[in-house]
Protein backbone atom coordinates (compact mmCIF):
# COMPACT_ATOMS: atom_id res chain seq x y z
CA UNK A 1 0.00 0.00 0.00
CA UNK A 2 2.73 2.48 0.94
CA UNK A 3 5.28 1.21 -1.60
CA UNK A 4 8.10 1.03 0.93
CA UNK A 5 10.49 -0.77 -1.40
CA UNK A 6 9.98 1.73 -4.23
CA UNK A 7 10.76 4.57 -1.85
CA UNK A 8 13.87 2.87 -0.46
CA UNK A 9 12.62 2.61 3.10
CA UNK A 10 11.54 0.03 5.68
CA UNK A 11 8.80 -0.36 8.26
CA UNK A 12 11.26 0.35 11.10
CA UNK A 13 12.52 3.51 9.40
CA UNK A 14 8.97 4.78 8.86
CA UNK A 15 8.01 4.06 12.47
CA UNK A 16 11.08 5.94 13.67
CA UNK A 17 10.30 8.87 11.38
CA UNK A 18 6.67 9.02 12.51
CA UNK A 19 7.78 8.99 16.15
CA UNK A 20 10.26 11.81 15.60
CA UNK A 21 7.61 13.90 13.82
CA UNK A 22 5.21 13.34 16.71
CA UNK A 23 7.81 14.42 19.27
CA UNK A 24 8.56 17.63 17.39
CA UNK A 25 4.91 18.68 16.95
CA UNK A 26 3.43 17.36 20.19
CA UNK A 27 3.85 20.74 21.89
CA UNK A 28 0.66 21.86 20.11
CA UNK A 29 -1.31 19.43 22.29
CA UNK A 30 -0.36 21.55 25.30
CA UNK A 31 -0.45 24.97 23.65
CA UNK A 32 -3.70 24.75 21.66
CA UNK A 33 -6.10 24.28 24.61
CA UNK A 34 -4.44 27.09 26.56
CA UNK A 35 -4.63 29.56 23.66
CA UNK A 36 -8.19 28.78 22.57
CA UNK A 37 -9.40 28.92 26.17
CA UNK A 38 -8.80 32.68 26.00
CA UNK A 39 -11.81 32.79 23.65
CA UNK A 40 -13.93 30.90 26.18
CA UNK A 41 -13.54 27.42 24.69
CA UNK A 42 -13.39 24.49 27.15
CA UNK A 43 -9.83 23.20 27.33
CA UNK A 44 -10.86 19.55 27.56
CA UNK A 45 -12.96 19.84 24.41
CA UNK A 46 -10.20 21.61 22.50
CA UNK A 47 -7.64 19.01 23.55
CA UNK A 48 -9.77 16.09 22.36
CA UNK A 49 -10.65 17.91 19.13
CA UNK A 50 -6.98 18.65 18.49
CA UNK A 51 -5.88 15.04 18.97
CA UNK A 52 -8.70 13.48 16.95
CA UNK A 53 -8.80 15.99 14.08
CA UNK A 54 -5.00 15.94 13.74
CA UNK A 55 -4.98 12.14 13.66
CA UNK A 56 -7.70 12.07 10.99
CA UNK A 57 -5.71 14.56 8.93
CA UNK A 58 -2.60 12.39 9.24
CA UNK A 59 -4.54 9.29 8.16
CA UNK A 60 -5.99 11.11 5.14
CA UNK A 61 -2.52 12.32 4.14
CA UNK A 62 -1.22 8.77 4.45
CA UNK A 63 -3.92 6.95 2.50
CA UNK A 64 -4.72 9.61 -0.14
CA UNK A 65 -1.27 11.08 -0.84
CA UNK A 66 1.15 8.58 0.76
CA UNK A 67 3.33 11.38 2.16
CA UNK A 68 5.20 11.44 5.51
CA UNK A 69 3.61 14.78 6.39
CA UNK A 70 1.68 15.22 9.63
CA UNK A 71 -1.18 17.64 10.22
CA UNK A 72 -2.22 19.55 13.33
CA UNK A 73 -3.61 22.98 14.35
CA UNK A 74 -1.32 25.68 13.01
CA UNK A 75 0.45 28.16 15.26
CA UNK A 76 -0.49 31.62 14.07
CA UNK A 77 -3.89 30.47 12.91
CA UNK A 78 -4.90 29.88 16.53
CA UNK A 79 -3.61 33.34 17.46
CA UNK A 80 -5.67 34.84 14.62
CA UNK A 81 -8.72 32.82 15.73
CA UNK A 82 -8.54 34.06 19.33
CA UNK A 83 -6.97 37.51 19.36
CA UNK A 84 -8.17 38.90 16.03
CA UNK A 85 -11.49 37.17 15.33
CA UNK A 86 -12.88 36.46 18.82
CA UNK A 87 -11.36 39.15 21.03
CA UNK A 88 -10.69 41.81 18.38
CA UNK A 89 -13.74 41.50 16.11
CA UNK A 90 -16.02 40.15 18.86
CA UNK A 91 -17.01 36.92 17.16
CA UNK A 92 -18.26 34.20 19.48
CA UNK A 93 -16.03 31.16 19.29
CA UNK A 94 -18.93 29.19 17.82
CA UNK A 95 -19.11 31.75 15.00
CA UNK A 96 -15.35 31.65 14.51
CA UNK A 97 -15.55 27.85 14.16
CA UNK A 98 -18.24 28.32 11.51
CA UNK A 99 -15.93 30.69 9.60
CA UNK A 100 -13.18 28.07 9.88
CA UNK A 101 -15.54 25.45 8.46
CA UNK A 102 -16.41 27.68 5.50
CA UNK A 103 -12.74 28.38 4.80
CA UNK A 104 -12.05 24.63 4.86
CA UNK A 105 -14.82 24.02 2.33
CA UNK A 106 -13.39 26.77 0.09
CA UNK A 107 -9.96 25.16 0.43
CA UNK A 108 -11.39 21.79 -0.62
CA UNK A 109 -12.97 23.40 -3.69
CA UNK A 110 -9.71 25.14 -4.64
CA UNK A 111 -7.77 21.89 -4.17
CA UNK A 112 -10.11 19.74 -6.24
CA UNK A 113 -10.44 22.19 -9.13
CA UNK A 114 -6.77 23.12 -9.43
CA UNK A 115 -7.10 26.81 -8.54
CA UNK A 116 -4.30 26.76 -5.99
CA UNK A 117 -1.60 27.73 -8.50
CA UNK A 118 -3.45 30.90 -9.49
CA UNK A 119 -3.81 32.05 -5.89
CA UNK A 120 -0.29 31.04 -4.91
CA UNK A 121 1.33 32.78 -7.87
CA UNK A 122 -0.72 35.93 -7.33
CA UNK A 123 0.74 36.86 -3.96
CA UNK A 124 4.17 38.55 -4.05
CA UNK A 125 6.97 36.57 -2.44
CA UNK A 126 7.90 39.43 -0.13
CA UNK A 127 4.40 39.59 1.33
CA UNK A 128 4.32 35.82 1.84
CA UNK A 129 7.46 35.94 3.95
CA UNK A 130 6.41 39.13 5.75
CA UNK A 131 3.14 37.52 6.84
CA UNK A 132 5.02 34.58 8.34
CA UNK A 133 7.43 36.91 10.16
CA UNK A 134 4.64 39.12 11.45
CA UNK A 135 2.69 36.17 12.81
CA UNK A 136 5.85 34.80 14.42
CA UNK A 137 6.54 38.09 16.22
CA UNK A 138 2.92 38.25 17.36
CA UNK A 139 3.17 34.73 18.77
CA UNK A 140 6.36 35.69 20.62
CA UNK A 141 4.66 38.81 22.02
CA UNK A 142 1.80 36.68 23.34
CA UNK A 143 4.41 34.42 24.94
CA UNK A 144 6.09 37.38 26.63
CA UNK A 145 2.70 38.50 27.96
CA UNK A 146 1.82 35.00 29.17
CA UNK A 147 5.13 34.90 31.02
CA UNK A 148 4.82 38.31 32.66
CA UNK A 149 7.97 39.50 30.86
CA UNK A 150 6.13 42.50 29.42
CA UNK A 151 3.21 44.40 30.89
CA UNK A 152 0.90 47.32 30.26
CA UNK A 153 2.30 50.84 30.51
CA UNK A 154 -0.03 53.88 30.72
CA UNK A 155 2.31 56.11 28.72
CA UNK A 156 4.00 53.81 26.18
CA UNK A 157 1.36 51.03 26.14
CA UNK A 158 3.86 48.28 26.95
CA UNK A 159 7.01 47.96 29.06
CA UNK A 160 9.26 45.36 30.62
CA UNK A 161 7.59 43.31 33.34
CA UNK A 162 8.81 42.54 36.85
CA UNK A 163 11.70 40.16 36.19
CA UNK A 164 11.97 39.33 39.91
CA UNK A 165 8.49 37.80 40.06
CA UNK A 166 8.25 34.00 40.41
CA UNK A 167 6.40 33.76 37.09
CA UNK A 168 9.07 35.68 35.18
CA UNK A 169 11.93 33.75 36.77
CA UNK A 170 10.42 30.37 35.84
CA UNK A 171 9.67 31.58 32.30
CA UNK A 172 13.23 32.89 31.87
CA UNK A 173 14.55 29.50 33.01
CA UNK A 174 12.20 27.81 30.53
CA UNK A 175 13.34 30.05 27.68
CA UNK A 176 16.92 29.26 28.56
CA UNK A 177 16.22 25.52 28.53
CA UNK A 178 14.36 25.60 25.21
CA UNK A 179 16.99 27.87 23.67
CA UNK A 180 19.87 25.58 24.62
CA UNK A 181 18.06 22.48 23.37
CA UNK A 182 17.21 24.20 20.09
CA UNK A 183 20.77 25.51 19.70
CA UNK A 184 22.24 22.01 19.98
CA UNK A 185 19.51 20.79 17.58
CA UNK A 186 18.02 18.36 20.07
CA UNK A 187 15.03 16.59 18.49
CA UNK A 188 11.93 17.22 20.53
CA UNK A 189 13.42 20.37 22.08
CA UNK A 190 10.03 22.03 22.36
CA UNK A 191 8.39 19.05 24.07
CA UNK A 192 11.29 18.59 26.49
CA UNK A 193 11.22 22.33 27.16
CA UNK A 194 7.53 22.15 28.10
CA UNK A 195 8.04 19.14 30.39
CA UNK A 196 11.15 20.68 31.98
CA UNK A 197 9.43 24.01 32.62
CA UNK A 198 6.37 22.19 33.99
CA UNK A 199 8.48 20.20 36.45
CA UNK A 200 10.27 23.36 37.58
CA UNK A 201 7.02 25.31 37.99
CA UNK A 202 5.44 22.44 39.89
CA UNK A 203 8.42 21.93 42.18
CA UNK A 204 9.09 25.53 43.19
CA UNK A 205 5.47 26.59 43.74
CA UNK A 206 3.94 23.55 45.42
CA UNK A 207 3.31 25.51 48.63
CA UNK A 208 2.60 28.83 46.93
CA UNK A 209 4.97 31.69 46.13
CA UNK A 210 4.79 35.43 46.90
CA UNK A 211 2.62 37.30 44.40
CA UNK A 212 4.02 40.30 42.52
CA UNK A 213 1.08 42.34 41.27
CA UNK A 214 1.70 43.82 37.79
CA UNK A 215 0.73 47.39 37.08
CA UNK A 216 -2.85 47.77 35.86
CA UNK A 217 -4.02 44.48 37.38
CA UNK A 218 -5.70 43.53 40.64
CA UNK A 219 -6.84 40.37 42.40
CA UNK A 220 -10.39 39.57 43.47
CA UNK A 221 -12.11 36.43 44.80
CA UNK A 222 -13.14 34.09 41.99
CA UNK A 223 -16.60 33.87 43.55
CA UNK A 224 -17.02 37.64 43.05
CA UNK A 225 -16.22 37.69 39.33
CA UNK A 226 -19.86 37.99 38.26
CA UNK A 227 -20.41 40.81 40.76
CA UNK A 228 -17.39 42.65 39.35
CA UNK A 229 -18.82 42.16 35.82
CA UNK A 230 -22.07 43.86 36.87
CA UNK A 231 -20.16 46.65 38.60
CA UNK A 232 -18.05 47.20 35.46
CA UNK A 233 -21.30 47.81 33.55
CA UNK A 234 -22.27 50.61 35.95
CA UNK A 235 -24.50 48.73 38.36
CA UNK A 236 -24.24 49.83 42.03
CA UNK A 237 -22.12 46.92 43.16
CA UNK A 238 -18.45 46.75 44.11
CA UNK A 239 -15.78 44.20 44.87
CA UNK A 240 -12.84 44.98 47.15
CA UNK A 241 -9.51 43.84 45.68
CA UNK A 242 -7.38 41.45 47.72
CA UNK A 243 -4.08 43.02 48.92
CA UNK A 244 -1.04 41.51 47.15
CA UNK A 245 0.43 40.45 50.49
CA UNK A 246 -2.55 38.15 51.08
CA UNK A 247 -2.07 36.35 47.75
CA UNK A 248 0.04 33.33 46.89
CA UNK A 249 0.64 32.07 43.36
CA UNK A 250 0.90 28.41 42.30
CA UNK A 251 2.50 28.12 38.88
CA UNK A 252 1.44 24.54 38.11
CA UNK A 253 -0.95 22.34 40.03
CA UNK A 254 -1.74 18.68 39.27
CA UNK A 255 -5.28 17.43 38.96
CA UNK A 256 -6.68 15.94 42.15
CA UNK A 257 -6.83 12.17 41.80
CA UNK A 258 -6.66 8.99 43.86
CA UNK A 259 -3.18 8.06 42.64
CA UNK A 260 -0.09 9.69 41.18
CA UNK A 261 -0.59 7.86 37.89
CA UNK A 262 -4.12 9.23 37.52
CA UNK A 263 -2.74 12.74 37.96
CA UNK A 264 -0.80 12.26 34.72
CA UNK A 265 -2.64 9.57 32.74
CA UNK A 266 -6.41 9.50 32.38
CA UNK A 267 -8.78 9.56 29.42
CA UNK A 268 -10.64 12.86 28.91
CA UNK A 269 -14.36 13.37 28.53
CA UNK A 270 -15.68 13.52 24.97
CA UNK A 271 -16.31 17.14 23.83
CA UNK A 272 -19.69 18.33 25.12
CA UNK A 273 -19.73 21.98 24.00
CA UNK A 274 -17.49 22.25 20.93
CA UNK A 275 -18.67 19.09 19.13
CA UNK A 276 -20.87 20.42 16.30
CA UNK A 277 -20.77 23.71 18.18
CA UNK A 278 -20.48 25.85 15.06
CA UNK A 279 -22.97 28.71 14.71
CA UNK A 280 -23.25 29.66 11.03
CA UNK A 281 -26.57 31.45 11.65
CA UNK A 282 -25.02 33.67 14.30
CA UNK A 283 -22.03 34.28 12.06
CA UNK A 284 -24.23 35.71 9.32
CA UNK A 285 -26.79 37.40 11.57
CA UNK A 286 -24.50 39.12 14.08
CA UNK A 287 -21.72 40.41 11.80
CA UNK A 288 -21.39 42.55 8.70
CA UNK A 289 -20.97 40.56 5.48
CA UNK A 290 -17.66 42.32 4.78
CA UNK A 291 -16.26 41.16 8.13
CA UNK A 292 -17.45 37.58 7.62
CA UNK A 293 -15.97 37.40 4.13
CA UNK A 294 -12.75 38.94 5.40
CA UNK A 295 -12.35 36.40 8.21
CA UNK A 296 -13.11 33.44 5.92
CA UNK A 297 -10.68 34.78 3.33
CA UNK A 298 -7.83 35.30 5.82
CA UNK A 299 -8.26 31.82 7.32
CA UNK A 300 -8.25 30.31 3.82
CA UNK A 301 -5.34 32.51 2.78
CA UNK A 302 -3.16 31.50 5.75
CA UNK A 303 -4.03 27.81 5.37
CA UNK A 304 -3.22 27.78 1.66
CA UNK A 305 0.22 29.34 1.98
CA UNK A 306 1.18 27.39 5.09
CA UNK A 307 0.19 24.11 3.47
CA UNK A 308 1.74 24.69 0.06
CA UNK A 309 4.94 26.00 1.61
CA UNK A 310 5.21 23.00 3.91
CA UNK A 311 4.42 20.48 1.16
CA UNK A 312 7.08 21.93 -1.12
CA UNK A 313 9.68 22.36 1.62
CA UNK A 314 9.25 18.93 3.19
CA UNK A 315 8.73 17.28 -0.22
CA UNK A 316 12.01 18.69 -1.45
CA UNK A 317 13.89 17.38 1.58
CA UNK A 318 12.31 13.95 1.11
CA UNK A 319 13.11 13.86 -2.61
CA UNK A 320 9.43 13.69 -3.51
CA UNK A 321 9.40 16.46 -6.14
CA UNK A 322 9.48 15.54 -9.83
CA UNK A 323 11.95 16.83 -12.45
CA UNK A 324 9.95 20.04 -12.88
CA UNK A 325 9.98 20.71 -9.14
CA UNK A 326 6.30 19.81 -8.75
CA UNK A 327 4.82 17.61 -6.05
CA UNK A 328 2.96 14.55 -7.39
CA UNK A 329 -0.43 13.96 -5.78
CA UNK A 330 -0.50 17.58 -4.58
CA UNK A 331 -4.27 17.65 -5.06
CA UNK A 332 -4.73 14.73 -2.67
CA UNK A 333 -2.36 16.30 -0.14
CA UNK A 334 -4.15 19.66 -0.21
CA UNK A 335 -7.52 17.93 0.00
CA UNK A 336 -6.33 16.04 3.11
CA UNK A 337 -5.32 19.36 4.68
CA UNK A 338 -8.67 20.99 3.86
CA UNK A 339 -10.61 17.97 5.11
CA UNK A 340 -8.67 18.11 8.37
CA UNK A 341 -9.77 21.72 8.84
CA UNK A 342 -13.40 20.79 8.18
CA UNK A 343 -13.25 17.95 10.71
CA UNK A 344 -11.41 20.13 13.22
CA UNK A 345 -14.00 22.90 13.03
CA UNK A 346 -16.80 20.40 13.62
CA UNK A 347 -14.99 18.90 16.62
CA UNK A 348 -13.84 22.22 18.08
CA UNK A 349 -10.38 23.43 17.09
CA UNK A 350 -8.83 25.98 14.73
CA UNK A 351 -7.33 25.40 11.28
CA UNK A 352 -5.60 22.05 10.70
CA UNK A 353 -2.64 22.29 8.35
CA UNK A 354 0.48 20.45 7.23
CA UNK A 355 3.26 20.74 9.81
CA UNK A 356 6.74 21.82 8.83
CA UNK A 357 7.97 19.77 11.81
CA UNK A 358 7.42 16.77 9.52
CA UNK A 359 10.86 17.64 8.15
CA UNK A 360 12.33 16.16 11.34
CA UNK A 361 10.73 12.82 10.52
CA UNK A 362 11.95 13.05 6.93
CA UNK A 363 15.45 13.72 8.22
CA UNK A 364 15.12 10.49 10.22
CA UNK A 365 14.32 8.55 7.05
CA UNK A 366 10.53 8.78 6.66
CA UNK A 367 9.43 8.70 3.00
CA UNK A 368 5.86 7.36 2.92
CA UNK A 369 2.45 7.71 4.50
CA UNK A 370 3.25 4.94 6.96
CA UNK A 371 5.12 7.54 9.01
CA UNK A 372 1.96 9.69 9.07
CA UNK A 373 -0.03 6.67 10.26
CA UNK A 374 2.40 6.28 13.16
CA UNK A 375 2.11 9.97 14.02
CA UNK A 376 -1.68 9.79 13.89
CA UNK A 377 -1.80 6.76 16.18
CA UNK A 378 0.45 8.53 18.69
CA UNK A 379 -1.82 11.60 18.56
CA UNK A 380 -4.78 9.40 19.48
CA UNK A 381 -2.74 7.72 22.22
CA UNK A 382 -2.00 11.20 23.61
CA UNK A 383 -5.62 11.45 24.73
CA UNK A 384 -4.51 9.56 27.83
CA UNK A 385 -2.34 12.55 28.81
CA UNK A 386 -5.38 14.76 29.45
CA UNK A 387 -4.50 15.52 33.12
CA UNK A 388 -1.00 16.65 32.14
CA UNK A 389 -2.36 18.89 29.40
CA UNK A 390 -4.93 20.30 31.80
CA UNK A 391 -2.17 21.18 34.25
CA UNK A 392 -0.22 23.02 31.55
CA UNK A 393 -3.24 24.80 30.14
CA UNK A 394 -4.72 25.89 33.46
CA UNK A 395 -2.00 28.50 33.93
CA UNK A 396 -0.96 30.03 37.24
CA UNK A 397 -3.43 29.68 40.12
CA UNK A 398 -3.94 32.34 42.81
CA UNK A 399 -5.09 31.55 46.38
CA UNK A 400 -5.65 33.61 49.52
CA UNK A 401 -3.16 33.13 52.34
CA UNK A 402 -4.65 31.23 55.26
CA UNK A 403 -8.02 30.28 53.78
CA UNK A 404 -6.92 28.88 50.40
CA UNK A 405 -9.78 30.76 48.71
CA UNK A 406 -9.56 30.77 44.91
CA UNK A 407 -8.65 34.15 43.48
CA UNK A 408 -8.43 35.57 39.96
CA UNK A 409 -6.27 38.28 38.45
CA UNK A 410 -8.23 40.87 36.46
CA UNK A 411 -7.61 44.14 34.66
CA UNK A 412 -8.13 46.97 37.16
CA UNK A 413 -11.78 48.00 37.41
CA UNK A 414 -12.99 45.27 35.05
CA UNK A 415 -13.96 41.60 35.02
CA UNK A 416 -11.44 40.69 32.30
CA UNK A 417 -9.41 37.78 33.67
CA UNK A 418 -5.65 37.92 33.00
CA UNK A 419 -3.87 34.58 33.48
CA UNK A 420 -0.16 33.79 33.36
CA UNK A 421 0.89 30.63 31.48
CA UNK A 422 4.49 30.09 32.59
CA UNK A 423 4.81 26.60 31.06
CA UNK A 424 3.84 27.44 27.47
CA UNK A 425 5.29 30.98 27.36
CA UNK A 426 8.87 29.82 26.54
CA UNK A 427 7.58 27.69 23.65
CA UNK A 428 5.70 30.61 22.10
CA UNK A 429 8.88 32.69 22.18
CA UNK A 430 10.80 29.92 20.40
CA UNK A 431 8.07 29.60 17.76
CA UNK A 432 8.56 33.30 17.10
CA UNK A 433 12.28 32.70 16.60
CA UNK A 434 11.61 29.91 14.11
CA UNK A 435 9.14 31.96 12.06
CA UNK A 436 11.46 34.97 12.07
CA UNK A 437 13.81 33.08 9.72
CA UNK A 438 11.72 34.09 6.70
CA UNK A 439 12.77 37.72 7.09
CA UNK A 440 16.02 37.06 5.22
CA UNK A 441 14.07 36.20 2.07
CA UNK A 442 12.36 39.60 1.79
CA UNK A 443 13.95 41.78 -0.97
CA UNK A 444 14.92 44.71 1.26
CA UNK A 445 16.85 46.46 -1.54
CA UNK A 446 13.64 47.07 -3.49
CA UNK A 447 11.56 49.60 -1.55
CA UNK A 448 8.44 48.77 -3.57
CA UNK A 449 8.71 45.28 -2.07
CA UNK A 450 10.34 46.13 1.28
CA UNK A 451 7.92 48.82 2.47
CA UNK A 452 4.76 46.67 2.06
CA UNK A 453 6.58 43.81 3.79
CA UNK A 454 7.66 46.09 6.63
CA UNK A 455 4.15 47.52 7.05
CA UNK A 456 2.73 44.00 7.12
CA UNK A 457 5.05 43.07 9.97
CA UNK A 458 4.78 46.19 12.13
CA UNK A 459 1.04 46.81 11.71
CA UNK A 460 0.41 43.22 12.68
CA UNK A 461 2.30 43.82 15.95
CA UNK A 462 1.06 47.26 16.92
CA UNK A 463 -2.58 46.61 16.03
CA UNK A 464 -2.49 43.06 17.37
CA UNK A 465 -4.33 42.14 14.18
CA UNK A 466 -3.13 39.71 11.52
CA UNK A 467 -5.92 40.92 9.25
CA UNK A 468 -4.85 44.56 9.39
CA UNK A 469 -1.21 43.63 8.81
CA UNK A 470 -2.10 41.72 5.65
CA UNK A 471 -4.44 44.50 4.51
CA UNK A 472 -1.79 47.22 4.85
CA UNK A 473 0.66 45.02 2.98
CA UNK A 474 -1.61 44.48 -0.02
CA UNK A 475 -2.81 48.08 -0.18
CA UNK A 476 0.68 49.59 0.03
CA UNK A 477 2.02 47.05 -2.47
CA UNK A 478 -0.58 48.07 -5.07
CA UNK A 479 0.06 51.78 -4.48
CA UNK A 480 3.84 51.49 -4.76
CA UNK A 481 3.69 49.33 -7.87
CA UNK A 482 1.54 51.98 -9.55
CA UNK A 483 3.82 54.79 -8.33
CA UNK A 484 6.92 53.03 -9.73
CA UNK A 485 5.16 52.27 -13.04
CA UNK A 486 5.32 48.53 -12.44
CA UNK A 487 1.61 47.88 -12.21
CA UNK A 488 1.90 45.27 -14.96
CA UNK A 489 4.03 43.17 -12.61
CA UNK A 490 1.02 42.61 -10.38
CA UNK A 491 -1.40 39.75 -10.73
CA UNK A 492 -5.02 40.86 -11.04
CA UNK A 493 -5.80 39.10 -7.76
CA UNK A 494 -3.51 41.53 -5.93
CA UNK A 495 -5.61 44.38 -7.33
CA UNK A 496 -8.73 42.59 -6.17
CA UNK A 497 -7.37 41.96 -2.67
CA UNK A 498 -6.23 45.58 -2.31
CA UNK A 499 -9.62 46.94 -3.41
CA UNK A 500 -11.45 44.57 -1.06
CA UNK A 501 -9.28 45.61 1.88
CA UNK A 502 -9.85 49.29 1.13
CA UNK A 503 -13.58 48.60 0.81
CA UNK A 504 -13.71 46.94 4.22
CA UNK A 505 -11.99 49.94 5.85
CA UNK A 506 -14.47 52.30 4.15
CA UNK A 507 -17.39 50.09 5.20
CA UNK A 508 -16.20 50.01 8.80
CA UNK A 509 -15.86 53.81 8.85
CA UNK A 510 -19.33 54.37 7.36
CA UNK A 511 -21.04 51.78 9.54
CA UNK A 512 -19.30 52.80 12.76
CA UNK A 513 -21.83 53.90 15.42
CA UNK A 514 -21.88 57.66 16.03
């Protein structure tokens, strides 16, 4: 079935390659639930959806395309899902899942009817790389926030955090560990970094550590969160903040269970809220058509370029490209990716895409879909690690000295909960480093290419919006190409994208409430 002999490989080699790929991408099992929980999604549901949808994607890639390429929720796409779509544009997570489903269906259509080349060739190379860099920096910034290494500043918006706080010290140690492992090219550096940081956080904070309250935040009893929410809306109710001296912080806390083994290994509950939780009616009813189309387009856009880039890059390393540099069975591979996204949205996770970490498995000898089968089986087996994932995704826990009362950290005067995630923060910083590598491929000597790329990167950071970064890139690219009399160099789709982005800014301005 997998033509092992024709590809010069063996069962043992494929198993080893699939295992290595799993080890290099398994960090997403810990990171995905924590990130999507910021949009209100249940972590247990997201974890199960991530494992199952990723495994199905791997199996499809194996049986349809016979490639050693694994699939899982993409970093960057999850950030866009939470911080841009849900928190920035105020989509409910059910509506965001519906948009993800629609983008997956569009991707399937494009894959089956061979339209991918037109879209891929339309986007300038500089913008492709700038988008990757911008998303990487945004992921790193989220990691710095999760680790308390940066914090809000009234004058300059952001400043360096309190590096003497227990959270910051553990995160700095975690960054150091991940950095050293990555520098010596240790396979599975990200996974080992997560486990190492988790052990450190668990060990040093078992009895609670002194709490350093960041500027602009305060602590209130968890039981009073709804009261604070009513008070924030102007109702005559108030909640007295807990003094920092009465607060202790626990950086990682295991799940309560009858035995030590059950604290680490236990099957999770099947998704109860995210399974078929999409809300396409709400998506259309509660949001302007231009915003819905924009979100669907950006999700599709990111998925297409991530997938094609990964397929070409990993395929080249594995010697799978033909004499013309094309990837045989590309249609089947892209369809597998799109189908994974459709399944993931129905189960309850963000965009599923081909993982560049598959290159680690290829480097270990993987050449066929058997390696993807192995990776998929291990993803399903990971369901047993639910308690460990829950401990990582829960973030830091605050308690009151003496009584042990549960406390929450909120933005001052509001009910917006702000949680530190010291275990996953170092990983997010490293992901930013990895994605930053594309910056060298931007043609900085050509200002008509460099300025749009630069605007894409910086607007993405300072607006905390992937959509706006991409929009500024396309608009400025079209303007500069016209100004330098090189409009003929542009594909007509670039014109279309630029006009659509301008139209959505105009529509937002006209429809903005007075």
